[in-house]
Each structure stands twice: as C-alpha cells, then as structure tokens.
Amino acid sequence: MKTVTIVIQNAPYKKGNKAWHALRFAGAALVEDMNVQLHLLDEGVEVGRKNQDVPEGMVNLEELLAELIECGLVVRACGMSLNDCALDEEAMIDGIECGSMKALAGWVKESDQVMVF
C-alpha cells in the first residue's frame, strides 16, 4: 500500500484555497486505499482549529478534516507552529496529535510521495 504525506503550510480560506485542495486530495487518496498522513505547519495549523469562522460560500474545513480523521487520516500539528499561532492541543480538532520536525522527517522517509500545499 502506498503512503503519502501531505504538508499544509497555508491558513484556511485564503486566496488560492490551498488548504481546501490539500484536504480534497487527502480524501481522494484515502478512497484509493492509500495511507495518508497530514502534517500542519506554519499557518496551516489553523486548518485543525475547532470553531472555525467559515466565510460565506466556502466549505467548512473543520467538518471536512474531522470526517477525514474518522476515515483514517492521521494528522499532526507542528508544536512550534501551534505556539506561534497561540493555539494549544485543546483548541484543535479531536484526533490531531502534536508533532515535530523529527516526526515529519520520519513520515517523509517512509512515504512514497510527499505533497506540500
């Protein structure tokens, strides 16, 4: 089974909608029976925050991410990025673990594909 690691560095609901596209790909990869690992980095940790303020006409990424976690998506948020964005683990969607660059390096080493959004 192939393993893909996805890194989201962009805050949700921004121009270009990179976080949305990353989650769409994660869902598609899960449907294709791939192991999917998602690392939230920099402003990307905001994708995993509870109680998001969803702009009108946009997909609720909090709900989407929670559904993907239920379907087997493994998610980590960079501890340093959480600190930089003044978030703690309790502010995050259930199922998101605190991660590190060392943990990300381990995922990258084991992955068949790495994608950065």
Protein backbone atom coordinates (compact mmCIF):
# COMPACT_ATOMS: atom_id res chain seq x y z
CA MET A 1 0.00 0.00 0.00
CA LYS A 2 1.33 3.42 -0.94
CA THR A 3 1.85 6.10 1.67
CA VAL A 4 1.51 9.80 1.00
CA THR A 5 2.47 12.62 3.35
CA ILE A 6 0.76 15.96 2.86
CA VAL A 7 2.07 19.16 4.42
CA ILE A 8 -0.27 22.15 4.69
CA GLN A 9 1.52 25.45 5.34
CA ASN A 10 -1.31 27.78 4.33
CA ALA A 11 -4.09 29.08 6.55
CA PRO A 12 -7.62 28.01 5.61
CA TYR A 13 -9.94 30.15 3.48
CA LYS A 14 -7.14 32.19 1.88
CA LYS A 15 -6.66 33.10 -1.77
CA GLY A 16 -5.79 30.05 -3.79
CA ASN A 17 -7.57 27.80 -1.28
CA LYS A 18 -4.54 25.53 -0.90
CA ALA A 19 -5.75 24.01 2.38
CA TRP A 20 -9.05 23.02 0.72
CA HIS A 21 -7.23 21.41 -2.21
CA ALA A 22 -4.93 19.52 0.15
CA LEU A 23 -7.90 18.08 2.06
CA ARG A 24 -9.66 17.19 -1.20
CA PHE A 25 -6.56 15.28 -2.27
CA ALA A 26 -6.30 13.59 1.13
CA GLY A 27 -9.88 12.35 0.80
CA ALA A 28 -9.27 11.09 -2.73
CA ALA A 29 -6.12 9.26 -1.63
CA LEU A 30 -8.00 7.60 1.24
CA VAL A 31 -10.66 6.42 -1.23
CA GLU A 32 -7.84 4.96 -3.35
CA ASP A 33 -6.73 2.90 -0.30
CA MET A 34 -3.55 4.86 0.35
CA ASN A 35 -2.10 5.55 3.79
CA VAL A 36 -2.43 9.30 4.21
CA GLN A 37 -0.57 11.41 6.76
CA LEU A 38 -1.20 15.13 7.14
CA HIS A 39 1.25 17.49 8.84
CA LEU A 40 0.03 21.01 9.66
CA LEU A 41 2.86 23.54 9.61
CA ASP A 42 3.13 27.33 9.97
CA GLU A 43 -0.31 28.96 9.48
CA GLY A 44 -1.55 25.56 8.31
CA VAL A 45 -2.19 24.63 11.95
CA GLU A 46 -5.28 26.87 11.69
CA VAL A 47 -6.81 24.19 9.45
CA GLY A 48 -7.04 21.95 12.53
CA ARG A 49 -8.54 24.54 14.86
CA LYS A 50 -12.00 24.00 16.36
CA ASN A 51 -14.76 26.59 15.88
CA GLN A 52 -13.50 28.00 12.60
CA ASP A 53 -15.12 31.13 11.19
CA VAL A 54 -16.11 29.88 7.75
CA PRO A 55 -16.57 32.58 5.12
CA GLU A 56 -19.89 32.50 3.27
CA GLY A 57 -19.80 30.18 0.29
CA MET A 58 -16.74 28.24 1.50
CA VAL A 59 -16.56 24.60 2.56
CA ASN A 60 -16.23 24.10 6.32
CA LEU A 61 -12.70 22.68 6.58
CA GLU A 62 -13.15 21.83 10.26
CA GLU A 63 -16.01 19.47 9.44
CA LEU A 64 -14.19 18.04 6.43
CA LEU A 65 -11.00 17.39 8.40
CA ALA A 66 -12.94 15.72 11.23
CA GLU A 67 -14.62 13.42 8.68
CA LEU A 68 -11.27 12.55 7.10
CA ILE A 69 -9.83 11.71 10.52
CA GLU A 70 -12.78 9.34 11.08
CA CYS A 71 -11.91 7.72 7.74
CA GLY A 72 -8.31 7.04 8.77
CA LEU A 73 -6.40 10.25 8.06
CA VAL A 74 -3.54 10.66 10.54
CA VAL A 75 -2.94 14.31 11.43
CA ARG A 76 -0.18 16.05 13.36
CA ALA A 77 0.25 19.75 14.03
CA CYS A 78 3.75 21.17 14.47
CA GLY A 79 4.23 22.08 18.13
CA MET A 80 6.28 25.18 17.33
CA SER A 81 3.66 26.37 14.84
CA LEU A 82 0.93 25.83 17.45
CA ASN A 83 2.90 28.05 19.82
CA ASP A 84 3.46 30.68 17.12
CA CYS A 85 -0.29 30.79 16.39
CA ALA A 86 -1.17 30.83 20.13
CA LEU A 87 -3.01 27.51 19.90
CA ASP A 88 -2.86 24.59 22.32
CA GLU A 89 -3.89 20.98 21.76
CA GLU A 90 -7.29 21.63 23.34
CA ALA A 91 -8.05 24.21 20.65
CA MET A 92 -7.54 21.55 17.99
CA ILE A 93 -9.99 19.10 16.40
CA ASP A 94 -10.11 15.79 18.27
CA GLY A 95 -7.66 13.28 16.85
CA ILE A 96 -4.93 15.75 15.93
CA GLU A 97 -1.62 14.99 17.65
CA CYS A 98 1.18 17.40 18.43
CA GLY A 99 4.02 16.78 16.00
CA SER A 100 7.60 17.81 15.39
CA MET A 101 10.06 18.16 12.55
CA LYS A 102 11.65 14.88 13.65
CA ALA A 103 8.26 13.14 13.38
CA LEU A 104 7.69 14.75 9.97
CA ALA A 105 11.11 13.57 8.82
CA GLY A 106 10.13 10.03 9.82
CA TRP A 107 6.94 10.26 7.79
CA VAL A 108 8.80 11.63 4.77
CA LYS A 109 11.34 8.81 4.99
CA GLU A 110 8.56 6.20 4.94
CA SER A 111 6.44 7.90 2.26
CA ASP A 112 6.15 7.07 -1.40
CA GLN A 113 5.01 10.62 -2.15
CA VAL A 114 5.21 13.97 -0.34
CA MET A 115 2.99 16.90 -1.29
CA VAL A 116 3.20 20.44 0.08
CA PHE A 117 0.31 22.89 -0.05
